[in-house]
N, C-alpha and C. Protein backbone atom coordinates (compact mmCIF):
# COMPACT_ATOMS: atom_id res chain seq x y z
N MET A 1 0.93 -1.06 0.18
CA MET A 1 0.11 0.06 -0.24
C MET A 1 0.81 1.00 -0.71
N ALA A 2 0.61 2.36 -0.99
CA ALA A 2 1.54 3.16 -1.14
C ALA A 2 0.74 4.63 0.36
N ASP A 3 -0.17 4.07 0.93
CA ASP A 3 -0.35 4.52 1.83
C ASP A 3 0.42 4.95 3.12
N ASN A 4 0.79 3.42 3.62
CA ASN A 4 1.84 3.15 4.38
C ASN A 4 3.27 2.87 4.24
N MET A 5 3.12 3.52 3.58
CA MET A 5 5.29 3.70 2.85
C MET A 5 5.76 4.83 3.13
N GLY A 6 6.86 4.50 3.95
CA GLY A 6 7.52 5.96 4.29
C GLY A 6 8.94 5.20 4.19
N TYR A 7 10.05 6.22 4.81
CA TYR A 7 11.21 6.01 3.66
C TYR A 7 11.99 5.63 5.70
N CYS A 8 12.95 4.66 5.59
CA CYS A 8 13.49 3.67 6.67
C CYS A 8 14.86 4.37 6.64
N VAL A 9 15.50 5.39 7.81
CA VAL A 9 16.85 5.72 7.53
C VAL A 9 18.13 5.04 7.89
N LYS A 10 17.31 4.20 8.39
CA LYS A 10 18.82 2.59 8.88
C LYS A 10 18.65 1.63 7.15
N CYS A 11 17.73 1.57 6.89
CA CYS A 11 17.97 0.68 5.57
C CYS A 11 17.55 1.48 4.41
N LYS A 12 18.12 2.82 3.94
CA LYS A 12 18.09 3.69 3.82
C LYS A 12 17.17 4.03 2.45
N GLU A 13 15.96 3.16 2.21
CA GLU A 13 15.01 2.88 1.51
C GLU A 13 13.60 2.98 1.53
N LYS A 14 12.40 3.49 0.77
CA LYS A 14 11.39 3.56 1.53
C LYS A 14 10.97 2.27 1.65
N ARG A 15 10.15 2.01 3.03
CA ARG A 15 9.76 0.97 3.05
C ARG A 15 8.14 0.62 3.33
N GLU A 16 7.50 -0.41 3.87
CA GLU A 16 6.32 -0.85 4.42
C GLU A 16 5.83 -0.54 5.79
N MET A 17 5.30 0.19 6.44
CA MET A 17 5.68 0.43 7.74
C MET A 17 4.07 -0.30 8.63
N LYS A 18 4.25 -0.96 9.41
CA LYS A 18 3.85 -1.59 9.56
C LYS A 18 3.29 -0.92 11.57
N ASP A 19 2.34 -1.33 12.65
CA ASP A 19 1.84 -0.93 13.24
C ASP A 19 1.02 0.51 13.56
N VAL A 20 1.01 0.76 11.90
CA VAL A 20 0.77 2.61 11.93
C VAL A 20 -0.12 3.07 12.77
N GLN A 21 0.44 4.60 13.23
CA GLN A 21 -0.68 4.85 13.92
C GLN A 21 -0.96 6.20 13.45
N GLN A 22 -2.03 7.09 13.25
CA GLN A 22 -2.65 8.50 13.40
C GLN A 22 -2.30 9.20 13.99
N VAL A 23 -0.91 10.27 14.08
CA VAL A 23 -1.04 11.64 15.27
C VAL A 23 -1.34 12.76 15.03
N THR A 24 -1.32 13.46 16.00
CA THR A 24 -1.45 14.98 15.87
C THR A 24 -0.05 15.52 16.27
N MET A 25 1.10 16.19 15.54
CA MET A 25 1.74 16.67 15.52
C MET A 25 1.11 18.27 16.95
N LYS A 26 2.54 18.76 17.44
CA LYS A 26 2.67 20.25 18.40
C LYS A 26 2.20 21.13 17.50
N ASN A 27 2.15 21.20 15.74
CA ASN A 27 2.05 22.30 15.15
C ASN A 27 0.28 22.08 14.58
N GLY A 28 0.08 20.96 15.16
CA GLY A 28 -1.40 20.61 14.34
C GLY A 28 -1.24 19.99 13.28
N ARG A 29 -0.50 19.90 12.55
CA ARG A 29 -0.03 18.94 11.33
C ARG A 29 -0.38 17.13 11.56
N LYS A 30 -1.11 16.41 10.87
CA LYS A 30 -0.94 15.02 10.76
C LYS A 30 -0.07 14.57 10.71
N ALA A 31 0.98 13.15 11.54
CA ALA A 31 1.15 12.63 10.96
C ALA A 31 1.03 10.78 11.03
N ALA A 32 1.92 10.19 10.74
CA ALA A 32 1.66 8.83 10.21
C ALA A 32 3.20 7.86 11.52
N LYS A 33 2.62 7.36 11.85
CA LYS A 33 4.10 6.97 13.10
C LYS A 33 3.96 4.88 12.80
N GLY A 34 5.17 4.51 12.54
CA GLY A 34 4.81 2.76 12.57
C GLY A 34 6.46 2.69 12.66
N LYS A 35 6.44 1.06 12.17
CA LYS A 35 7.49 0.73 12.27
C LYS A 35 8.01 -0.03 11.25
N CYS A 36 9.21 0.11 10.20
CA CYS A 36 9.95 -0.64 9.33
C CYS A 36 9.84 -2.21 9.34
N SER A 37 8.97 -2.51 8.55
CA SER A 37 8.36 -3.92 8.51
C SER A 37 9.70 -4.68 8.15
N LYS A 38 10.66 -4.48 8.04
CA LYS A 38 12.27 -5.37 8.12
C LYS A 38 12.93 -5.11 8.89
N CYS A 39 13.15 -3.89 8.96
CA CYS A 39 14.62 -3.67 10.44
C CYS A 39 13.58 -3.42 11.87
N GLY A 40 12.34 -3.41 12.25
CA GLY A 40 11.83 -2.91 12.91
C GLY A 40 12.43 -1.08 13.71
N THR A 41 12.59 -0.34 12.94
CA THR A 41 13.43 1.10 13.31
C THR A 41 11.94 1.56 13.04
N GLY A 42 11.73 2.53 13.95
CA GLY A 42 10.84 3.70 14.13
C GLY A 42 10.85 4.85 12.55
N ILE A 43 9.82 4.55 11.99
CA ILE A 43 9.23 5.66 10.70
C ILE A 43 8.50 6.32 11.09
N TYR A 44 8.38 7.78 10.87
CA TYR A 44 7.81 9.18 11.48
C TYR A 44 7.12 9.93 9.50
N LYS A 45 6.40 10.19 9.16
CA LYS A 45 6.08 10.34 7.75
C LYS A 45 5.27 11.45 8.10
N ILE A 46 5.51 12.44 7.77
CA ILE A 46 4.04 14.46 8.00
C ILE A 46 3.20 13.16 6.62
N LEU A 47 1.87 14.06 7.17
CA LEU A 47 1.17 13.57 5.96
C LEU A 47 0.92 14.95 4.99
N PRO A 48 -0.21 14.85 3.71
CA PRO A 48 -0.62 15.99 3.74
C PRO A 48 -1.49 16.89 4.24
N LYS A 49 -1.99 18.09 4.13
CA LYS A 49 -3.06 18.50 4.39
C LYS A 49 -4.43 18.47 4.51
């Protein structure tokens, strides 16, 4: 799914996120927070308005 894709800084490529949660940042913007499906590193992706 394209919605669950994010850039993993450990793998250095786009990976699918698992355990995705939608969060709201302090400035009011929405973001997706999850883990890399391969290595388990945390991924944080800012969503469009």
